[in-house]
Structure formats: structure tokens, C-alpha cells
């Protein structure tokens, strides 16, 4: 099976897309054929008579524009809600089979696939599925993006506990501590990295400053199962 990583977060707004795009950009620059897949997106913008996902565009651009935007994100909805609710607002439904089938193109065309979920690990992505269901079925280790803010230790540990128990356990490659907002006077931002490294069994892979890049080199293909 093509190696890959499933990018999830401790919640909404933690910077999953930013981190996933950083990974994709680095892999593409290293000459890898990298696929990017966002099974469903909400909060999309109208363009040319259809909805476009800014997250999908960011991933696609970072990966060197492989495939098409339709293949990056086949199911797109306007309302800034969980995808199944955004679809319902349009009189539609998220297609659970397409969530799964849409990854086939990337597995066949690329050396490594980055999948970005919608919201946190237990956020619903269809009437029947959570992001965790797709992560378990795709079989890719999780990269957990945590926001460098007060409360991130609790939120990260809750995500890791969920991953360890859901569907008999989902492998976690590690944690990326991201700063989605400019620096503030939040004193926890100075200690969160050390605390995550101390408290969590999966490793802290890297930290990312606001608008910056990883503070250390990470072998993403190896984490995703590449030989």
C-alpha cells in the first residue's frame, strides 16, 4: 500500500491545513510524488458556479498541483458547519462511499499520500462516519496537530486516548505543536512543547511558529511507512 499520513487536529482552527501544506511542500521539493486528499470540506467559497475549498487549494499548490482540485476534495459544501450538516443545509448528503473511493487515485498515482480530515478526530464527516473511521480504514498513522495555546495538553491527551481506543486503536506517528495565531502574552506557549514531550507517548515531532516552518527535520516518508 502507498505510504501515507492522516493529518488530524485537537480541534478546529489549530492549523491542520497549514501543517499539512508544509509537509506536502517539503516532500514535493525533495522530489517525491505526493498526493493530497481532503475527503470533504465545508465553509467553501463560490467560484465559477461551484464551491471551492481554500484548504484544498492550499494543499494542491503545496504538493505541486498533482491531479485536479476535484480529486483533492470531491465533496464541498458552503456552510461553515460539520460536512454532514453543511450538506443537509443544501438539501444534500455526504456520500460515505465517495469519502473512501476518492483516495484510490492518489494511492495509484503517488509515492506518499497526505489525508487531511475535517475538524478533530471525532468530528463527524458524514451522517455515518467520524474522521476517525476514515483514519482507521485508510490505515495511515496520525499526525496530530495541536495549537500552542493554554489547554493544549488536555486536548492533545484526549485526542491520543481516543486514537488508542477507537476501532481497536489507530497508530499515531506523533504530534506537531503549531502556533495558529501571532505571539500573545499566553505564558503556556513557552512550556507547552516541553509538557507535550513529557506527557505524551507518541513523540513531539516538531513545533511551528506562527507563519513559520518546522523547527527540526522530520522524516515524513518513514513515519508514513516508506522503506
Foldseek 3Di string as FASTA:
>chain_A
DQFEEEEFELWPLLCSLVQLLLVLLVCVVVVFQEAAAEAEEEQFDDDPRDTADPSLVSNCVSNPNPDDSCLRYVYYFNDPDQQQVRQVVVVHFRDVVSSQVSCVVRSVRGRYYYYYYYTHQQGANGPPDGVVVNQVVVQWAYEYEFELAPPRLVSVVVSQVCQCPPPVHGHHQAYEYEHQDADDPGVSSVVVQVVCCVPDPRHHQFYAHHVGHGPDDDPVSVSRPDD
